[in-house]
Amino acid sequence: MIRELTCVACPLGCAITVDYNDTEVLSVTGNTCKRGDAYARTEIVNPTRSLATTVKVNGGVHPVVPVRSNKPIPKKMMFECMKTINSVSVDAPVEIGQVIIQDILGTGADIIAANYD
């Protein structure tokens, strides 16, 4: 099978062509750097995404705090992760970098308080 991707690993945005079958990536072409090859292989085998959202705050100046995953999460788990995040609230005060949810759904990623900027 052939899949065309636009690489997002660096600012160049290379048009990448990936040849793959049910079990492995056979070839990656069109990338101008090694990061493009790694991105394409991951995108075909196990796509991941960073997650950024908000969590409710109890007793704070603001009703929510921005949060993010400290590492990418499998794309197929995004909706389940959001269900878990939406069921959580945190008491004020909240510190930037504070772990809100540790190892969300066994992904190895923590959900941490992010900056308002």
PDB file of N, CA and C in Angstrom:
ATOM      1  N   MET A   1       0.843  -1.169   0.000  1.00  0.00           N
ATOM      2  CA  MET A   1       0.000   0.000   0.000  1.00  0.00           C
ATOM      3  C   MET A   1       0.894   1.240   0.000  1.00  0.00           C
ATOM      4  N   ILE A   2       0.361   2.307  -0.549  1.00  0.00           N
ATOM      5  CA  ILE A   2       1.091   3.568  -0.607  1.00  0.00           C
ATOM      6  C   ILE A   2       0.279   4.627   0.131  1.00  0.00           C
ATOM      7  N   ARG A   3       0.965   5.453   0.918  1.00  0.00           N
ATOM      8  CA  ARG A   3       0.306   6.562   1.599  1.00  0.00           C
ATOM      9  C   ARG A   3       1.161   7.805   1.455  1.00  0.00           C
ATOM     10  N   GLU A   4       0.518   8.915   1.118  1.00  0.00           N
ATOM     11  CA  GLU A   4       1.187  10.203   0.992  1.00  0.00           C
ATOM     12  C   GLU A   4       0.981  10.982   2.287  1.00  0.00           C
ATOM     13  N   LEU A   5       2.059  11.541   2.832  1.00  0.00           N
ATOM     14  CA  LEU A   5       2.002  12.329   4.058  1.00  0.00           C
ATOM     15  C   LEU A   5       2.711  13.653   3.850  1.00  0.00           C
ATOM     16  N   THR A   6       2.313  14.648   4.606  1.00  0.00           N
ATOM     17  CA  THR A   6       3.092  15.878   4.711  1.00  0.00           C
ATOM     18  C   THR A   6       3.785  15.822   6.053  1.00  0.00           C
ATOM     19  N   CYS A   7       5.095  15.852   6.041  1.00  0.00           N
ATOM     20  CA  CYS A   7       5.871  15.724   7.270  1.00  0.00           C
ATOM     21  C   CYS A   7       5.715  16.977   8.133  1.00  0.00           C
ATOM     22  N   VAL A   8       5.568  16.774   9.428  1.00  0.00           N
ATOM     23  CA  VAL A   8       5.479  17.877  10.378  1.00  0.00           C
ATOM     24  C   VAL A   8       6.624  17.837  11.394  1.00  0.00           C
ATOM     25  N   ALA A   9       7.635  17.031  11.117  1.00  0.00           N
ATOM     26  CA  ALA A   9       8.748  16.875  12.060  1.00  0.00           C
ATOM     27  C   ALA A   9       9.676  18.089  12.074  1.00  0.00           C
ATOM     28  N   CYS A  10       9.695  18.853  10.996  1.00  0.00           N
ATOM     29  CA  CYS A  10      10.495  20.076  10.948  1.00  0.00           C
ATOM     30  C   CYS A  10       9.765  21.086  10.058  1.00  0.00           C
ATOM     31  N   PRO A  11      10.226  22.304   9.971  1.00  0.00           N
ATOM     32  CA  PRO A  11       9.503  23.334   9.208  1.00  0.00           C
ATOM     33  C   PRO A  11       9.454  23.130   7.684  1.00  0.00           C
ATOM     34  N   LEU A  12      10.215  22.209   7.124  1.00  0.00           N
ATOM     35  CA  LEU A  12      10.243  22.047   5.668  1.00  0.00           C
ATOM     36  C   LEU A  12       8.938  21.514   5.085  1.00  0.00           C
ATOM     37  N   GLY A  13       8.210  20.681   5.812  1.00  0.00           N
ATOM     38  CA  GLY A  13       6.935  20.148   5.331  1.00  0.00           C
ATOM     39  C   GLY A  13       7.065  19.286   4.085  1.00  0.00           C
ATOM     40  N   CYS A  14       8.015  18.380   4.093  1.00  0.00           N
ATOM     41  CA  CYS A  14       8.273  17.521   2.929  1.00  0.00           C
ATOM     42  C   CYS A  14       7.057  16.655   2.586  1.00  0.00           C
ATOM     43  N   ALA A  15       6.868  16.423   1.294  1.00  0.00           N
ATOM     44  CA  ALA A  15       5.857  15.478   0.822  1.00  0.00           C
ATOM     45  C   ALA A  15       6.503  14.092   0.856  1.00  0.00           C
ATOM     46  N   ILE A  16       6.005  13.239   1.720  1.00  0.00           N
ATOM     47  CA  ILE A  16       6.601  11.924   1.937  1.00  0.00           C
ATOM     48  C   ILE A  16       5.679  10.849   1.382  1.00  0.00           C
ATOM     49  N   THR A  17       6.276   9.853   0.758  1.00  0.00           N
ATOM     50  CA  THR A  17       5.550   8.692   0.264  1.00  0.00           C
ATOM     51  C   THR A  17       6.014   7.480   1.064  1.00  0.00           C
ATOM     52  N   VAL A  18       5.043   6.753   1.616  1.00  0.00           N
ATOM     53  CA  VAL A  18       5.350   5.576   2.423  1.00  0.00           C
ATOM     54  C   VAL A  18       4.746   4.356   1.741  1.00  0.00           C
ATOM     55  N   ASP A  19       5.585   3.361   1.509  1.00  0.00           N
ATOM     56  CA  ASP A  19       5.141   2.072   0.986  1.00  0.00           C
ATOM     57  C   ASP A  19       5.150   1.100   2.163  1.00  0.00           C
ATOM     58  N   TYR A  20       4.015   0.460   2.426  1.00  0.00           N
ATOM     59  CA  TYR A  20       3.920  -0.428   3.585  1.00  0.00           C
ATOM     60  C   TYR A  20       2.957  -1.567   3.298  1.00  0.00           C
ATOM     61  N   ASN A  21       3.054  -2.594   4.135  1.00  0.00           N
ATOM     62  CA  ASN A  21       2.088  -3.695   4.064  1.00  0.00           C
ATOM     63  C   ASN A  21       1.447  -3.849   5.438  1.00  0.00           C
ATOM     64  N   ASP A  22       0.776  -4.940   5.688  1.00  0.00           N
ATOM     65  CA  ASP A  22       0.066  -5.125   6.953  1.00  0.00           C
ATOM     66  C   ASP A  22       0.976  -5.217   8.165  1.00  0.00           C
ATOM     67  N   THR A  23       2.235  -5.542   7.964  1.00  0.00           N
ATOM     68  CA  THR A  23       3.112  -5.782   9.106  1.00  0.00           C
ATOM     69  C   THR A  23       4.286  -4.817   9.239  1.00  0.00           C
ATOM     70  N   GLU A  24       4.653  -4.103   8.155  1.00  0.00           N
ATOM     71  CA  GLU A  24       5.831  -3.247   8.255  1.00  0.00           C
ATOM     72  C   GLU A  24       5.860  -2.161   7.189  1.00  0.00           C
ATOM     73  N   VAL A  25       6.694  -1.148   7.457  1.00  0.00           N
ATOM     74  CA  VAL A  25       6.962  -0.098   6.475  1.00  0.00           C
ATOM     75  C   VAL A  25       8.078  -0.609   5.578  1.00  0.00           C
ATOM     76  N   LEU A  26       7.827  -0.595   4.279  1.00  0.00           N
ATOM     77  CA  LEU A  26       8.814  -1.107   3.320  1.00  0.00           C
ATOM     78  C   LEU A  26       9.787  -0.022   2.876  1.00  0.00           C
ATOM     79  N   SER A  27       9.283   1.191   2.644  1.00  0.00           N
ATOM     80  CA  SER A  27      10.168   2.285   2.250  1.00  0.00           C
ATOM     81  C   SER A  27       9.522   3.627   2.541  1.00  0.00           C
ATOM     82  N   VAL A  28      10.383   4.623   2.760  1.00  0.00           N
ATOM     83  CA  VAL A  28       9.971   6.000   2.966  1.00  0.00           C
ATOM     84  C   VAL A  28      10.789   6.848   2.007  1.00  0.00           C
ATOM     85  N   THR A  29      10.124   7.656   1.184  1.00  0.00           N
ATOM     86  CA  THR A  29      10.830   8.524   0.241  1.00  0.00           C
ATOM     87  C   THR A  29      10.252   9.932   0.312  1.00  0.00           C
ATOM     88  N   GLY A  30      11.067  10.898  -0.099  1.00  0.00           N
ATOM     89  CA  GLY A  30      10.640  12.291  -0.147  1.00  0.00           C
ATOM     90  C   GLY A  30      11.091  13.117   1.030  1.00  0.00           C
ATOM     91  N   ASN A  31      11.534  12.474   2.099  1.00  0.00           N
ATOM     92  CA  ASN A  31      12.002  13.219   3.262  1.00  0.00           C
ATOM     93  C   ASN A  31      13.409  13.748   3.009  1.00  0.00           C
ATOM     94  N   THR A  32      13.687  14.939   3.549  1.00  0.00           N
ATOM     95  CA  THR A  32      15.029  15.509   3.387  1.00  0.00           C
ATOM     96  C   THR A  32      15.865  15.386   4.656  1.00  0.00           C
ATOM     97  N   CYS A  33      15.258  14.879   5.732  1.00  0.00           N
ATOM     98  CA  CYS A  33      16.035  14.686   6.963  1.00  0.00           C
ATOM     99  C   CYS A  33      15.611  13.375   7.634  1.00  0.00           C
ATOM    100  N   LYS A  34      16.409  12.933   8.585  1.00  0.00           N
ATOM    101  CA  LYS A  34      16.133  11.677   9.290  1.00  0.00           C
ATOM    102  C   LYS A  34      14.842  11.751  10.103  1.00  0.00           C
ATOM    103  N   ARG A  35      14.516  12.952  10.586  1.00  0.00           N
ATOM    104  CA  ARG A  35      13.295  13.095  11.376  1.00  0.00           C
ATOM    105  C   ARG A  35      12.063  12.763  10.537  1.00  0.00           C
ATOM    106  N   GLY A  36      12.109  13.082   9.250  1.00  0.00           N
ATOM    107  CA  GLY A  36      10.994  12.777   8.354  1.00  0.00           C
ATOM    108  C   GLY A  36      10.773  11.284   8.223  1.00  0.00           C
ATOM    109  N   ASP A  37      11.868  10.541   8.116  1.00  0.00           N
ATOM    110  CA  ASP A  37      11.763   9.083   8.036  1.00  0.00           C
ATOM    111  C   ASP A  37      11.131   8.528   9.311  1.00  0.00           C
ATOM    112  N   ALA A  38      11.612   8.983  10.460  1.00  0.00           N
ATOM    113  CA  ALA A  38      11.073   8.509  11.742  1.00  0.00           C
ATOM    114  C   ALA A  38       9.601   8.895  11.897  1.00  0.00           C
ATOM    115  N   TYR A  39       9.257  10.137  11.519  1.00  0.00           N
ATOM    116  CA  TYR A  39       7.868  10.589  11.606  1.00  0.00           C
ATOM    117  C   TYR A  39       6.961   9.701  10.755  1.00  0.00           C
ATOM    118  N   ALA A  40       7.353   9.451   9.513  1.00  0.00           N
ATOM    119  CA  ALA A  40       6.528   8.662   8.601  1.00  0.00           C
ATOM    120  C   ALA A  40       6.324   7.243   9.127  1.00  0.00           C
ATOM    121  N   ARG A  41       7.371   6.635   9.623  1.00  0.00           N
ATOM    122  CA  ARG A  41       7.254   5.268  10.144  1.00  0.00           C
ATOM    123  C   ARG A  41       6.319   5.217  11.352  1.00  0.00           C
ATOM    124  N   THR A  42       6.456   6.172  12.251  1.00  0.00           N
ATOM    125  CA  THR A  42       5.585   6.225  13.422  1.00  0.00           C
ATOM    126  C   THR A  42       4.147   6.493  13.012  1.00  0.00           C
ATOM    127  N   GLU A  43       3.950   7.393  12.066  1.00  0.00           N
ATOM    128  CA  GLU A  43       2.598   7.752  11.629  1.00  0.00           C
ATOM    129  C   GLU A  43       1.866   6.558  11.011  1.00  0.00           C
ATOM    130  N   ILE A  44       2.591   5.680  10.359  1.00  0.00           N
ATOM    131  CA  ILE A  44       1.969   4.498   9.760  1.00  0.00           C
ATOM    132  C   ILE A  44       1.754   3.393  10.797  1.00  0.00           C
ATOM    133  N   VAL A  45       2.744   3.128  11.623  1.00  0.00           N
ATOM    134  CA  VAL A  45       2.703   1.999  12.558  1.00  0.00           C
ATOM    135  C   VAL A  45       1.890   2.311  13.814  1.00  0.00           C
ATOM    136  N   ASN A  46       2.147   3.457  14.449  1.00  0.00           N
ATOM    137  CA  ASN A  46       1.474   3.808  15.702  1.00  0.00           C
ATOM    138  C   ASN A  46       1.431   5.325  15.842  1.00  0.00           C
ATOM    139  N   PRO A  47       0.468   5.989  15.180  1.00  0.00           N
ATOM    140  CA  PRO A  47       0.432   7.452  15.228  1.00  0.00           C
ATOM    141  C   PRO A  47       0.199   7.964  16.644  1.00  0.00           C
ATOM    142  N   THR A  48       0.909   9.033  16.992  1.00  0.00           N
ATOM    143  CA  THR A  48       0.778   9.649  18.310  1.00  0.00           C
ATOM    144  C   THR A  48       0.530  11.149  18.146  1.00  0.00           C
ATOM    145  N   ARG A  49      -0.026  11.745  19.177  1.00  0.00           N
ATOM    146  CA  ARG A  49      -0.289  13.178  19.187  1.00  0.00           C
ATOM    147  C   ARG A  49      -0.064  13.715  20.590  1.00  0.00           C
ATOM    148  N   SER A  50       0.348  14.967  20.675  1.00  0.00           N
ATOM    149  CA  SER A  50       0.370  15.666  21.956  1.00  0.00           C
ATOM    150  C   SER A  50      -1.058  16.083  22.260  1.00  0.00           C
ATOM    151  N   LEU A  51      -1.394  16.138  23.529  1.00  0.00           N
ATOM    152  CA  LEU A  51      -2.747  16.474  23.945  1.00  0.00           C
ATOM    153  C   LEU A  51      -2.711  17.742  24.777  1.00  0.00           C
ATOM    154  N   ALA A  52      -3.501  18.735  24.409  1.00  0.00           N
ATOM    155  CA  ALA A  52      -3.617  19.977  25.174  1.00  0.00           C
ATOM    156  C   ALA A  52      -5.096  20.286  25.359  1.00  0.00           C
ATOM    157  N   THR A  53      -5.477  20.600  26.590  1.00  0.00           N
ATOM    158  CA  THR A  53      -6.874  20.887  26.907  1.00  0.00           C
ATOM    159  C   THR A  53      -6.912  21.678  28.212  1.00  0.00           C
ATOM    160  N   THR A  54      -8.021  21.637  28.914  1.00  0.00           N
ATOM    161  CA  THR A  54      -8.137  22.306  30.209  1.00  0.00           C
ATOM    162  C   THR A  54      -8.752  21.348  31.226  1.00  0.00           C
ATOM    163  N   VAL A  55      -8.506  21.658  32.513  1.00  0.00           N
ATOM    164  CA  VAL A  55      -9.081  20.913  33.627  1.00  0.00           C
ATOM    165  C   VAL A  55      -9.748  21.921  34.554  1.00  0.00           C
ATOM    166  N   LYS A  56     -10.894  21.537  35.113  1.00  0.00           N
ATOM    167  CA  LYS A  56     -11.619  22.398  36.048  1.00  0.00           C
ATOM    168  C   LYS A  56     -10.784  22.635  37.306  1.00  0.00           C
ATOM    169  N   VAL A  57     -10.880  23.874  37.832  1.00  0.00           N
ATOM    170  CA  VAL A  57     -10.182  24.240  39.067  1.00  0.00           C
ATOM    171  C   VAL A  57     -11.220  24.596  40.124  1.00  0.00           C
ATOM    172  N   ASN A  58     -11.067  24.010  41.300  1.00  0.00           N
ATOM    173  CA  ASN A  58     -11.937  24.310  42.438  1.00  0.00           C
ATOM    174  C   ASN A  58     -11.301  25.403  43.282  1.00  0.00           C
ATOM    175  N   GLY A  59     -12.045  26.515  43.496  1.00  0.00           N
ATOM    176  CA  GLY A  59     -11.580  27.567  44.396  1.00  0.00           C
ATOM    177  C   GLY A  59     -10.481  28.442  43.844  1.00  0.00           C
ATOM    178  N   GLY A  60     -10.328  28.488  42.552  1.00  0.00           N
ATOM    179  CA  GLY A  60      -9.275  29.310  41.963  1.00  0.00           C
ATOM    180  C   GLY A  60      -9.794  30.623  41.403  1.00  0.00           C
ATOM    181  N   VAL A  61      -8.883  31.476  40.996  1.00  0.00           N
ATOM    182  CA  VAL A  61      -9.226  32.732  40.341  1.00  0.00           C
ATOM    183  C   VAL A  61      -9.848  32.444  38.977  1.00  0.00           C
ATOM    184  N   HIS A  62      -9.308  31.447  38.281  1.00  0.00           N
ATOM    185  CA  HIS A  62      -9.810  31.037  36.971  1.00  0.00           C
ATOM    186  C   HIS A  62     -10.554  29.706  37.119  1.00  0.00           C
ATOM    187  N   PRO A  63     -11.603  29.502  36.316  1.00  0.00           N
ATOM    188  CA  PRO A  63     -12.386  28.261  36.448  1.00  0.00           C
ATOM    189  C   PRO A  63     -11.683  27.014  35.897  1.00  0.00           C
ATOM    190  N   VAL A  64     -10.684  27.212  35.029  1.00  0.00           N
ATOM    191  CA  VAL A  64      -9.949  26.092  34.441  1.00  0.00           C
ATOM    192  C   VAL A  64      -8.461  26.416  34.398  1.00  0.00           C
ATOM    193  N   VAL A  65      -7.669  25.358  34.251  1.00  0.00           N
ATOM    194  CA  VAL A  65      -6.232  25.507  34.071  1.00  0.00           C
ATOM    195  C   VAL A  65      -5.852  24.767  32.786  1.00  0.00           C
ATOM    196  N   PRO A  66      -4.971  25.372  31.956  1.00  0.00           N
ATOM    197  CA  PRO A  66      -4.534  24.641  30.768  1.00  0.00           C
ATOM    198  C   PRO A  66      -3.639  23.479  31.174  1.00  0.00           C
ATOM    199  N   VAL A  67      -3.803  22.360  30.507  1.00  0.00           N
ATOM    200  CA  VAL A  67      -2.977  21.177  30.760  1.00  0.00           C
ATOM    201  C   VAL A  67      -2.507  20.612  29.427  1.00  0.00           C
ATOM    202  N   ARG A  68      -1.457  19.807  29.496  1.00  0.00           N
ATOM    203  CA  ARG A  68      -0.936  19.146  28.295  1.00  0.00           C
ATOM    204  C   ARG A  68      -0.304  17.829  28.694  1.00  0.00           C
ATOM    205  N   SER A  69      -0.142  16.970  27.712  1.00  0.00           N
ATOM    206  CA  SER A  69       0.580  15.724  27.969  1.00  0.00           C
ATOM    207  C   SER A  69       2.068  16.039  27.911  1.00  0.00           C
ATOM    208  N   ASN A  70       2.841  15.371  28.753  1.00  0.00           N
ATOM    209  CA  ASN A  70       4.284  15.625  28.760  1.00  0.00           C
ATOM    210  C   ASN A  70       5.014  14.824  27.688  1.00  0.00           C
ATOM    211  N   LYS A  71       4.273  13.966  26.979  1.00  0.00           N
ATOM    212  CA  LYS A  71       4.806  13.264  25.820  1.00  0.00           C
ATOM    213  C   LYS A  71       3.627  12.829  24.955  1.00  0.00           C
ATOM    214  N   PRO A  72       3.862  12.508  23.702  1.00  0.00           N
ATOM    215  CA  PRO A  72       2.750  12.125  22.827  1.00  0.00           C
ATOM    216  C   PRO A  72       2.010  10.875  23.314  1.00  0.00           C
ATOM    217  N   ILE A  73       0.731  10.842  22.975  1.00  0.00           N
ATOM    218  CA  ILE A  73      -0.181   9.763  23.351  1.00  0.00           C
ATOM    219  C   ILE A  73      -0.650   9.072  22.070  1.00  0.00           C
ATOM    220  N   PRO A  74      -0.851   7.759  22.103  1.00  0.00           N
ATOM    221  CA  PRO A  74      -1.379   7.092  20.902  1.00  0.00           C
ATOM    222  C   PRO A  74      -2.677   7.760  20.427  1.00  0.00           C
ATOM    223  N   LYS A  75      -2.744   8.060  19.151  1.00  0.00           N
ATOM    224  CA  LYS A  75      -3.889   8.751  18.568  1.00  0.00           C
ATOM    225  C   LYS A  75      -5.196   8.020  18.852  1.00  0.00           C
ATOM    226  N   LYS A  76      -5.158   6.706  18.826  1.00  0.00           N
ATOM    227  CA  LYS A  76      -6.377   5.921  19.031  1.00  0.00           C
ATOM    228  C   LYS A  76      -6.917   6.034  20.460  1.00  0.00           C
ATOM    229  N   MET A  77      -6.127   6.582  21.386  1.00  0.00           N
ATOM    230  CA  MET A  77      -6.554   6.701  22.780  1.00  0.00           C
ATOM    231  C   MET A  77      -7.005   8.113  23.158  1.00  0.00           C
ATOM    232  N   MET A  78      -7.004   9.034  22.222  1.00  0.00           N
ATOM    233  CA  MET A  78      -7.315  10.428  22.519  1.00  0.00           C
ATOM    234  C   MET A  78      -8.692  10.612  23.164  1.00  0.00           C
ATOM    235  N   PHE A  79      -9.724   9.999  22.598  1.00  0.00           N
ATOM    236  CA  PHE A  79     -11.068  10.192  23.132  1.00  0.00           C
ATOM    237  C   PHE A  79     -11.200   9.622  24.542  1.00  0.00           C
ATOM    238  N   GLU A  80     -10.602   8.469  24.790  1.00  0.00           N
ATOM    239  CA  GLU A  80     -10.643   7.891  26.139  1.00  0.00           C
ATOM    240  C   GLU A  80      -9.870   8.766  27.130  1.00  0.00           C
ATOM    241  N   CYS A  81      -8.738   9.303  26.700  1.00  0.00           N
ATOM    242  CA  CYS A  81      -7.969  10.212  27.560  1.00  0.00           C
ATOM    243  C   CYS A  81      -8.788  11.454  27.886  1.00  0.00           C
ATOM    244  N   MET A  82      -9.494  11.990  26.897  1.00  0.00           N
ATOM    245  CA  MET A  82     -10.319  13.176  27.141  1.00  0.00           C
ATOM    246  C   MET A  82     -11.458  12.871  28.106  1.00  0.00           C
ATOM    247  N   LYS A  83     -12.034  11.691  28.036  1.00  0.00           N
ATOM    248  CA  LYS A  83     -13.079  11.320  28.999  1.00  0.00           C
ATOM    249  C   LYS A  83     -12.514  11.336  30.418  1.00  0.00           C
ATOM    250  N   THR A  84     -11.324  10.790  30.578  1.00  0.00           N
ATOM    251  CA  THR A  84     -10.685  10.770  31.900  1.00  0.00           C
ATOM    252  C   THR A  84     -10.376  12.186  32.364  1.00  0.00           C
ATOM    253  N   ILE A  85      -9.794  12.993  31.488  1.00  0.00           N
ATOM    254  CA  ILE A  85      -9.442  14.374  31.855  1.00  0.00           C
ATOM    255  C   ILE A  85     -10.704  15.167  32.224  1.00  0.00           C
ATOM    256  N   ASN A  86     -11.766  14.998  31.456  1.00  0.00           N
ATOM    257  CA  ASN A  86     -12.994  15.739  31.718  1.00  0.00           C
ATOM    258  C   ASN A  86     -13.671  15.339  33.023  1.00  0.00           C
ATOM    259  N   SER A  87     -13.304  14.212  33.586  1.00  0.00           N
ATOM    260  CA  SER A  87     -13.906  13.762  34.841  1.00  0.00           C
ATOM    261  C   SER A  87     -13.128  14.245  36.067  1.00  0.00           C
ATOM    262  N   VAL A  88     -12.033  14.973  35.829  1.00  0.00           N
ATOM    263  CA  VAL A  88     -11.134  15.390  36.904  1.00  0.00           C
ATOM    264  C   VAL A  88     -11.286  16.883  37.183  1.00  0.00           C
ATOM    265  N   SER A  89     -11.134  17.251  38.441  1.00  0.00           N
ATOM    266  CA  SER A  89     -10.970  18.652  38.808  1.00  0.00           C
ATOM    267  C   SER A  89      -9.815  18.721  39.805  1.00  0.00           C
ATOM    268  N   VAL A  90      -9.218  19.889  39.915  1.00  0.00           N
ATOM    269  CA  VAL A  90      -8.059  20.067  40.782  1.00  0.00           C
ATOM    270  C   VAL A  90      -8.307  21.267  41.684  1.00  0.00           C
ATOM    271  N   ASP A  91      -7.828  21.180  42.924  1.00  0.00           N
ATOM    272  CA  ASP A  91      -7.979  22.285  43.865  1.00  0.00           C
ATOM    273  C   ASP A  91      -6.888  23.325  43.656  1.00  0.00           C
ATOM    274  N   ALA A  92      -7.282  24.597  43.760  1.00  0.00           N
ATOM    275  CA  ALA A  92      -6.321  25.697  43.675  1.00  0.00           C
ATOM    276  C   ALA A  92      -5.501  25.713  44.963  1.00  0.00           C
ATOM    277  N   PRO A  93      -4.285  26.198  44.929  1.00  0.00           N
ATOM    278  CA  PRO A  93      -3.568  26.735  43.770  1.00  0.00           C
ATOM    279  C   PRO A  93      -2.928  25.611  42.944  1.00  0.00           C
ATOM    280  N   VAL A  94      -2.755  25.877  41.657  1.00  0.00           N
ATOM    281  CA  VAL A  94      -2.133  24.920  40.744  1.00  0.00           C
ATOM    282  C   VAL A  94      -0.818  25.524  40.255  1.00  0.00           C
ATOM    283  N   GLU A  95       0.239  24.743  40.317  1.00  0.00           N
ATOM    284  CA  GLU A  95       1.565  25.195  39.877  1.00  0.00           C
ATOM    285  C   GLU A  95       1.840  24.720  38.461  1.00  0.00           C
ATOM    286  N   ILE A  96       2.502  25.542  37.664  1.00  0.00           N
ATOM    287  CA  ILE A  96       2.915  25.133  36.324  1.00  0.00           C
ATOM    288  C   ILE A  96       3.815  23.911  36.451  1.00  0.00           C
ATOM    289  N   GLY A  97       3.539  22.891  35.676  1.00  0.00           N
ATOM    290  CA  GLY A  97       4.306  21.647  35.726  1.00  0.00           C
ATOM    291  C   GLY A  97       3.757  20.624  36.703  1.00  0.00           C
ATOM    292  N   GLN A  98       2.776  21.010  37.505  1.00  0.00           N
ATOM    293  CA  GLN A  98       2.173  20.082  38.464  1.00  0.00           C
ATOM    294  C   GLN A  98       1.507  18.931  37.718  1.00  0.00           C
ATOM    295  N   VAL A  99       1.751  17.723  38.181  1.00  0.00           N
ATOM    296  CA  VAL A  99       1.124  16.552  37.563  1.00  0.00           C
ATOM    297  C   VAL A  99      -0.340  16.504  38.014  1.00  0.00           C
ATOM    298  N   ILE A 100      -1.229  16.541  37.035  1.00  0.00           N
ATOM    299  CA  ILE A 100      -2.662  16.483  37.303  1.00  0.00           C
ATOM    300  C   ILE A 100      -3.143  15.041  37.237  1.00  0.00           C
ATOM    301  N   ILE A 101      -2.697  14.306  36.226  1.00  0.00           N
ATOM    302  CA  ILE A 101      -3.009  12.872  36.089  1.00  0.00           C
ATOM    303  C   ILE A 101      -1.710  12.157  35.728  1.00  0.00           C
ATOM    304  N   GLN A 102      -1.296  11.242  36.561  1.00  0.00           N
ATOM    305  CA  GLN A 102      -0.062  10.498  36.305  1.00  0.00           C
ATOM    306  C   GLN A 102      -0.369   9.281  35.436  1.00  0.00           C
ATOM    307  N   ASP A 103       0.458   9.051  34.422  1.00  0.00           N
ATOM    308  CA  ASP A 103       0.373   7.876  33.544  1.00  0.00           C
ATOM    309  C   ASP A 103      -1.060   7.634  33.062  1.00  0.00           C
ATOM    310  N   ILE A 104      -1.600   8.609  32.362  1.00  0.00           N
ATOM    311  CA  ILE A 104      -3.001   8.531  31.937  1.00  0.00           C
ATOM    312  C   ILE A 104      -3.259   7.277  31.100  1.00  0.00           C
ATOM    313  N   LEU A 105      -4.187   6.482  31.555  1.00  0.00           N
ATOM    314  CA  LEU A 105      -4.619   5.239  30.912  1.00  0.00           C
ATOM    315  C   LEU A 105      -3.465   4.320  30.518  1.00  0.00           C
ATOM    316  N   GLY A 106      -2.407   4.332  31.317  1.00  0.00           N
ATOM    317  CA  GLY A 106      -1.277   3.440  31.077  1.00  0.00           C
ATOM    318  C   GLY A 106      -0.432   3.810  29.865  1.00  0.00           C
ATOM    319  N   THR A 107      -0.540   5.041  29.388  1.00  0.00           N
ATOM    320  CA  THR A 107       0.220   5.463  28.208  1.00  0.00           C
ATOM    321  C   THR A 107       1.662   5.837  28.526  1.00  0.00           C
ATOM    322  N   GLY A 108       1.959   6.038  29.817  1.00  0.00           N
ATOM    323  CA  GLY A 108       3.277   6.521  30.199  1.00  0.00           C
ATOM    324  C   GLY A 108       3.371   8.036  30.165  1.00  0.00           C
ATOM    325  N   ALA A 109       2.315   8.704  29.723  1.00  0.00           N
ATOM    326  CA  ALA A 109       2.297  10.163  29.662  1.00  0.00           C
ATOM    327  C   ALA A 109       1.561  10.720  30.862  1.00  0.00           C
ATOM    328  N   ASP A 110       2.112  11.789  31.431  1.00  0.00           N
ATOM    329  CA  ASP A 110       1.452  12.504  32.513  1.00  0.00           C
ATOM    330  C   ASP A 110       0.726  13.708  31.907  1.00  0.00           C
ATOM    331  N   ILE A 111      -0.397  14.062  32.509  1.00  0.00           N
ATOM    332  CA  ILE A 111      -1.091  15.296  32.165  1.00  0.00           C
ATOM    333  C   ILE A 111      -0.649  16.331  33.192  1.00  0.00           C
ATOM    334  N   ILE A 112      -0.016  17.406  32.701  1.00  0.00           N
ATOM    335  CA  ILE A 112       0.569  18.397  33.589  1.00  0.00           C
ATOM    336  C   ILE A 112      -0.032  19.773  33.344  1.00  0.00           C
ATOM    337  N   ALA A 113      -0.022  20.594  34.395  1.00  0.00           N
ATOM    338  CA  ALA A 113      -0.499  21.970  34.277  1.00  0.00           C
ATOM    339  C   ALA A 113       0.462  22.734  33.373  1.00  0.00           C
ATOM    340  N   ALA A 114      -0.112  23.490  32.456  1.00  0.00           N
ATOM    341  CA  ALA A 114       0.691  24.240  31.491  1.00  0.00           C
ATOM    342  C   ALA A 114       0.619  25.733  31.805  1.00  0.00           C
ATOM    343  N   ASN A 115       1.343  26.495  31.053  1.00  0.00           N
ATOM    344  CA  ASN A 115       1.402  27.939  31.184  1.00  0.00           C
ATOM    345  C   ASN A 115       0.177  28.571  30.551  1.00  0.00           C
ATOM    346  N   TYR A 116      -0.276  29.697  31.066  1.00  0.00           N
ATOM    347  CA  TYR A 116      -1.404  30.428  30.482  1.00  0.00           C
ATOM    348  C   TYR A 116      -1.003  31.164  29.218  1.00  0.00           C
ATOM    349  N   ASP A 117       0.256  31.373  29.005  1.00  0.00           N
ATOM    350  CA  ASP A 117       0.715  32.145  27.824  1.00  0.00           C
ATOM    351  C   ASP A 117       0.532  31.393  26.546  1.00  0.00           C
TER     352      ASP A 117
END
